[in-house]
Amino acid sequence: MKSIRTKLKLNNKQKTLMAQHAGYSRWVYNWGLSLWNAAYVDGYQPNISCGMLRKRKLR
């Protein structure tokens, strides 16, 4: 197996956008995890898909 390591040379605006994207991705992950945990605690077999999450409104 071979891999190639590269380093991105981002300007300040690009660095800011990448940091915002990473923060939003983490928020969405935690939101989905909280839905899964709530279903599990309520006694349901959690089966949360991407499609189901898209149908829910973000608050």
PDB file of N, CA and C in Angstrom:
ATOM      1  N   MET A   1       0.839  -1.162   0.000  1.00  0.00           N
ATOM      2  CA  MET A   1       0.000   0.000   0.000  1.00  0.00           C
ATOM      3  C   MET A   1       0.892   1.235   0.000  1.00  0.00           C
ATOM      4  N   LYS A   2       0.516   2.192  -0.805  1.00  0.00           N
ATOM      5  CA  LYS A   2       1.305   3.407  -0.918  1.00  0.00           C
ATOM      6  C   LYS A   2       0.415   4.608  -0.620  1.00  0.00           C
ATOM      7  N   SER A   3       0.958   5.553   0.080  1.00  0.00           N
ATOM      8  CA  SER A   3       0.209   6.774   0.361  1.00  0.00           C
ATOM      9  C   SER A   3       1.067   7.984   0.019  1.00  0.00           C
ATOM     10  N   ILE A   4       0.398   9.073  -0.208  1.00  0.00           N
ATOM     11  CA  ILE A   4       1.081  10.318  -0.522  1.00  0.00           C
ATOM     12  C   ILE A   4       0.622  11.367   0.475  1.00  0.00           C
ATOM     13  N   ARG A   5       1.553  12.018   1.100  1.00  0.00           N
ATOM     14  CA  ARG A   5       1.237  13.065   2.064  1.00  0.00           C
ATOM     15  C   ARG A   5       1.432  14.415   1.389  1.00  0.00           C
ATOM     16  N   THR A   6       0.418  15.244   1.511  1.00  0.00           N
ATOM     17  CA  THR A   6       0.512  16.594   0.967  1.00  0.00           C
ATOM     18  C   THR A   6       0.167  17.597   2.060  1.00  0.00           C
ATOM     19  N   LYS A   7       0.615  18.795   1.883  1.00  0.00           N
ATOM     20  CA  LYS A   7       0.306  19.858   2.830  1.00  0.00           C
ATOM     21  C   LYS A   7      -0.413  20.962   2.070  1.00  0.00           C
ATOM     22  N   LEU A   8      -1.575  21.347   2.582  1.00  0.00           N
ATOM     23  CA  LEU A   8      -2.325  22.420   1.953  1.00  0.00           C
ATOM     24  C   LEU A   8      -1.717  23.761   2.320  1.00  0.00           C
ATOM     25  N   LYS A   9      -1.609  24.610   1.336  1.00  0.00           N
ATOM     26  CA  LYS A   9      -1.123  25.967   1.583  1.00  0.00           C
ATOM     27  C   LYS A   9      -2.327  26.898   1.458  1.00  0.00           C
ATOM     28  N   LEU A  10      -2.979  27.127   2.593  1.00  0.00           N
ATOM     29  CA  LEU A  10      -4.207  27.905   2.612  1.00  0.00           C
ATOM     30  C   LEU A  10      -3.934  29.345   3.025  1.00  0.00           C
ATOM     31  N   ASN A  11      -4.698  30.255   2.428  1.00  0.00           N
ATOM     32  CA  ASN A  11      -4.614  31.635   2.892  1.00  0.00           C
ATOM     33  C   ASN A  11      -5.522  31.782   4.121  1.00  0.00           C
ATOM     34  N   ASN A  12      -5.555  32.964   4.720  1.00  0.00           N
ATOM     35  CA  ASN A  12      -6.313  33.155   5.958  1.00  0.00           C
ATOM     36  C   ASN A  12      -7.805  32.907   5.781  1.00  0.00           C
ATOM     37  N   LYS A  13      -8.375  33.338   4.666  1.00  0.00           N
ATOM     38  CA  LYS A  13      -9.801  33.122   4.424  1.00  0.00           C
ATOM     39  C   LYS A  13     -10.105  31.630   4.302  1.00  0.00           C
ATOM     40  N   GLN A  14      -9.268  30.897   3.598  1.00  0.00           N
ATOM     41  CA  GLN A  14      -9.465  29.462   3.433  1.00  0.00           C
ATOM     42  C   GLN A  14      -9.309  28.731   4.760  1.00  0.00           C
ATOM     43  N   LYS A  15      -8.354  29.153   5.583  1.00  0.00           N
ATOM     44  CA  LYS A  15      -8.176  28.544   6.905  1.00  0.00           C
ATOM     45  C   LYS A  15      -9.418  28.742   7.761  1.00  0.00           C
ATOM     46  N   THR A  16      -9.976  29.946   7.690  1.00  0.00           N
ATOM     47  CA  THR A  16     -11.188  30.242   8.455  1.00  0.00           C
ATOM     48  C   THR A  16     -12.349  29.371   7.993  1.00  0.00           C
ATOM     49  N   LEU A  17     -12.522  29.236   6.680  1.00  0.00           N
ATOM     50  CA  LEU A  17     -13.605  28.413   6.146  1.00  0.00           C
ATOM     51  C   LEU A  17     -13.435  26.942   6.522  1.00  0.00           C
ATOM     52  N   MET A  18     -12.215  26.442   6.489  1.00  0.00           N
ATOM     53  CA  MET A  18     -11.964  25.048   6.874  1.00  0.00           C
ATOM     54  C   MET A  18     -12.286  24.827   8.351  1.00  0.00           C
ATOM     55  N   ALA A  19     -11.924  25.777   9.202  1.00  0.00           N
ATOM     56  CA  ALA A  19     -12.212  25.665  10.634  1.00  0.00           C
ATOM     57  C   ALA A  19     -13.717  25.704  10.887  1.00  0.00           C
ATOM     58  N   GLN A  20     -14.441  26.557  10.166  1.00  0.00           N
ATOM     59  CA  GLN A  20     -15.891  26.628  10.319  1.00  0.00           C
ATOM     60  C   GLN A  20     -16.542  25.323   9.881  1.00  0.00           C
ATOM     61  N   HIS A  21     -16.077  24.770   8.786  1.00  0.00           N
ATOM     62  CA  HIS A  21     -16.626  23.511   8.291  1.00  0.00           C
ATOM     63  C   HIS A  21     -16.410  22.391   9.305  1.00  0.00           C
ATOM     64  N   ALA A  22     -15.224  22.317   9.869  1.00  0.00           N
ATOM     65  CA  ALA A  22     -14.929  21.278  10.856  1.00  0.00           C
ATOM     66  C   ALA A  22     -15.810  21.445  12.090  1.00  0.00           C
ATOM     67  N   GLY A  23     -16.038  22.665  12.518  1.00  0.00           N
ATOM     68  CA  GLY A  23     -16.890  22.911  13.676  1.00  0.00           C
ATOM     69  C   GLY A  23     -18.331  22.520  13.414  1.00  0.00           C
ATOM     70  N   TYR A  24     -18.844  22.837  12.226  1.00  0.00           N
ATOM     71  CA  TYR A  24     -20.213  22.491  11.874  1.00  0.00           C
ATOM     72  C   TYR A  24     -20.374  20.985  11.749  1.00  0.00           C
ATOM     73  N   SER A  25     -19.400  20.317  11.160  1.00  0.00           N
ATOM     74  CA  SER A  25     -19.458  18.863  11.024  1.00  0.00           C
ATOM     75  C   SER A  25     -19.522  18.199  12.390  1.00  0.00           C
ATOM     76  N   ARG A  26     -18.747  18.697  13.324  1.00  0.00           N
ATOM     77  CA  ARG A  26     -18.751  18.148  14.678  1.00  0.00           C
ATOM     78  C   ARG A  26     -20.098  18.375  15.352  1.00  0.00           C
ATOM     79  N   TRP A  27     -20.695  19.550  15.141  1.00  0.00           N
ATOM     80  CA  TRP A  27     -21.998  19.852  15.727  1.00  0.00           C
ATOM     81  C   TRP A  27     -23.060  18.894  15.190  1.00  0.00           C
ATOM     82  N   VAL A  28     -23.062  18.656  13.873  1.00  0.00           N
ATOM     83  CA  VAL A  28     -24.037  17.751  13.261  1.00  0.00           C
ATOM     84  C   VAL A  28     -23.847  16.330  13.783  1.00  0.00           C
ATOM     85  N   TYR A  29     -22.598  15.891  13.933  1.00  0.00           N
ATOM     86  CA  TYR A  29     -22.326  14.558  14.474  1.00  0.00           C
ATOM     87  C   TYR A  29     -22.896  14.432  15.885  1.00  0.00           C
ATOM     88  N   ASN A  30     -22.638  15.421  16.727  1.00  0.00           N
ATOM     89  CA  ASN A  30     -23.136  15.378  18.100  1.00  0.00           C
ATOM     90  C   ASN A  30     -24.659  15.424  18.148  1.00  0.00           C
ATOM     91  N   TRP A  31     -25.283  16.178  17.251  1.00  0.00           N
ATOM     92  CA  TRP A  31     -26.739  16.256  17.182  1.00  0.00           C
ATOM     93  C   TRP A  31     -27.323  14.889  16.817  1.00  0.00           C
ATOM     94  N   GLY A  32     -26.768  14.243  15.807  1.00  0.00           N
ATOM     95  CA  GLY A  32     -27.233  12.912  15.419  1.00  0.00           C
ATOM     96  C   GLY A  32     -27.018  11.894  16.522  1.00  0.00           C
ATOM     97  N   LEU A  33     -25.896  11.996  17.209  1.00  0.00           N
ATOM     98  CA  LEU A  33     -25.614  11.084  18.313  1.00  0.00           C
ATOM     99  C   LEU A  33     -26.614  11.274  19.446  1.00  0.00           C
ATOM    100  N   SER A  34     -27.004  12.508  19.720  1.00  0.00           N
ATOM    101  CA  SER A  34     -27.987  12.749  20.780  1.00  0.00           C
ATOM    102  C   SER A  34     -29.347  12.168  20.402  1.00  0.00           C
ATOM    103  N   LEU A  35     -29.729  12.234  19.121  1.00  0.00           N
ATOM    104  CA  LEU A  35     -30.977  11.606  18.678  1.00  0.00           C
ATOM    105  C   LEU A  35     -30.916  10.093  18.849  1.00  0.00           C
ATOM    106  N   TRP A  36     -29.791   9.511  18.501  1.00  0.00           N
ATOM    107  CA  TRP A  36     -29.610   8.067  18.630  1.00  0.00           C
ATOM    108  C   TRP A  36     -29.709   7.657  20.095  1.00  0.00           C
ATOM    109  N   ASN A  37     -29.020   8.398  20.970  1.00  0.00           N
ATOM    110  CA  ASN A  37     -29.046   8.082  22.400  1.00  0.00           C
ATOM    111  C   ASN A  37     -30.443   8.238  22.981  1.00  0.00           C
ATOM    112  N   ALA A  38     -31.184   9.263  22.559  1.00  0.00           N
ATOM    113  CA  ALA A  38     -32.546   9.463  23.057  1.00  0.00           C
ATOM    114  C   ALA A  38     -33.441   8.296  22.652  1.00  0.00           C
ATOM    115  N   ALA A  39     -33.316   7.819  21.425  1.00  0.00           N
ATOM    116  CA  ALA A  39     -34.106   6.669  20.978  1.00  0.00           C
ATOM    117  C   ALA A  39     -33.736   5.423  21.769  1.00  0.00           C
ATOM    118  N   TYR A  40     -32.470   5.241  22.051  1.00  0.00           N
ATOM    119  CA  TYR A  40     -32.006   4.070  22.800  1.00  0.00           C
ATOM    120  C   TYR A  40     -32.537   4.097  24.226  1.00  0.00           C
ATOM    121  N   VAL A  41     -32.491   5.258  24.868  1.00  0.00           N
ATOM    122  CA  VAL A  41     -32.977   5.392  26.248  1.00  0.00           C
ATOM    123  C   VAL A  41     -34.480   5.145  26.310  1.00  0.00           C
ATOM    124  N   ASP A  42     -35.215   5.547  25.276  1.00  0.00           N
ATOM    125  CA  ASP A  42     -36.663   5.340  25.236  1.00  0.00           C
ATOM    126  C   ASP A  42     -37.040   3.898  24.932  1.00  0.00           C
ATOM    127  N   GLY A  43     -36.062   3.050  24.699  1.00  0.00           N
ATOM    128  CA  GLY A  43     -36.323   1.634  24.478  1.00  0.00           C
ATOM    129  C   GLY A  43     -36.476   1.236  23.027  1.00  0.00           C
ATOM    130  N   TYR A  44     -36.230   2.144  22.121  1.00  0.00           N
ATOM    131  CA  TYR A  44     -36.322   1.826  20.698  1.00  0.00           C
ATOM    132  C   TYR A  44     -34.979   1.332  20.184  1.00  0.00           C
ATOM    133  N   GLN A  45     -35.042   0.519  19.137  1.00  0.00           N
ATOM    134  CA  GLN A  45     -33.815   0.104  18.471  1.00  0.00           C
ATOM    135  C   GLN A  45     -33.426   1.242  17.530  1.00  0.00           C
ATOM    136  N   PRO A  46     -32.390   1.997  17.869  1.00  0.00           N
ATOM    137  CA  PRO A  46     -32.039   3.156  17.035  1.00  0.00           C
ATOM    138  C   PRO A  46     -31.673   2.742  15.615  1.00  0.00           C
ATOM    139  N   ASN A  47     -32.348   3.333  14.657  1.00  0.00           N
ATOM    140  CA  ASN A  47     -32.070   3.097  13.246  1.00  0.00           C
ATOM    141  C   ASN A  47     -32.208   4.442  12.534  1.00  0.00           C
ATOM    142  N   ILE A  48     -31.254   5.297  12.782  1.00  0.00           N
ATOM    143  CA  ILE A  48     -31.312   6.651  12.249  1.00  0.00           C
ATOM    144  C   ILE A  48     -30.427   6.717  11.008  1.00  0.00           C
ATOM    145  N   SER A  49     -31.053   7.073   9.888  1.00  0.00           N
ATOM    146  CA  SER A  49     -30.308   7.155   8.634  1.00  0.00           C
ATOM    147  C   SER A  49     -30.085   8.615   8.251  1.00  0.00           C
ATOM    148  N   CYS A  50     -29.251   8.822   7.258  1.00  0.00           N
ATOM    149  CA  CYS A  50     -29.002  10.180   6.768  1.00  0.00           C
ATOM    150  C   CYS A  50     -30.285  10.799   6.223  1.00  0.00           C
ATOM    151  N   GLY A  51     -31.085   9.996   5.550  1.00  0.00           N
ATOM    152  CA  GLY A  51     -32.341  10.501   5.004  1.00  0.00           C
ATOM    153  C   GLY A  51     -33.283  10.986   6.083  1.00  0.00           C
ATOM    154  N   MET A  52     -33.347  10.245   7.189  1.00  0.00           N
ATOM    155  CA  MET A  52     -34.202  10.651   8.297  1.00  0.00           C
ATOM    156  C   MET A  52     -33.705  11.955   8.906  1.00  0.00           C
ATOM    157  N   LEU A  53     -32.398  12.096   9.030  1.00  0.00           N
ATOM    158  CA  LEU A  53     -31.842  13.318   9.601  1.00  0.00           C
ATOM    159  C   LEU A  53     -32.091  14.522   8.694  1.00  0.00           C
ATOM    160  N   ARG A  54     -32.070  14.301   7.382  1.00  0.00           N
ATOM    161  CA  ARG A  54     -32.322  15.400   6.448  1.00  0.00           C
ATOM    162  C   ARG A  54     -33.755  15.906   6.554  1.00  0.00           C
ATOM    163  N   LYS A  55     -34.691  14.999   6.893  1.00  0.00           N
ATOM    164  CA  LYS A  55     -36.093  15.388   7.009  1.00  0.00           C
ATOM    165  C   LYS A  55     -36.355  16.221   8.252  1.00  0.00           C
ATOM    166  N   ARG A  56     -35.530  16.042   9.275  1.00  0.00           N
ATOM    167  CA  ARG A  56     -35.707  16.813  10.510  1.00  0.00           C
ATOM    168  C   ARG A  56     -35.218  18.233  10.291  1.00  0.00           C
ATOM    169  N   LYS A  57     -35.874  19.154  10.940  1.00  0.00           N
ATOM    170  CA  LYS A  57     -35.448  20.551  10.840  1.00  0.00           C
ATOM    171  C   LYS A  57     -34.359  20.809  11.853  1.00  0.00           C
ATOM    172  N   LEU A  58     -33.328  21.502  11.424  1.00  0.00           N
ATOM    173  CA  LEU A  58     -32.276  21.902  12.352  1.00  0.00           C
ATOM    174  C   LEU A  58     -32.770  23.079  13.167  1.00  0.00           C
ATOM    175  N   ARG A  59     -32.484  23.040  14.441  1.00  0.00           N
ATOM    176  CA  ARG A  59     -32.951  24.114  15.328  1.00  0.00           C
ATOM    177  C   ARG A  59     -31.857  25.089  15.591  1.00  0.00           C
TER     178      ARG A  59
END
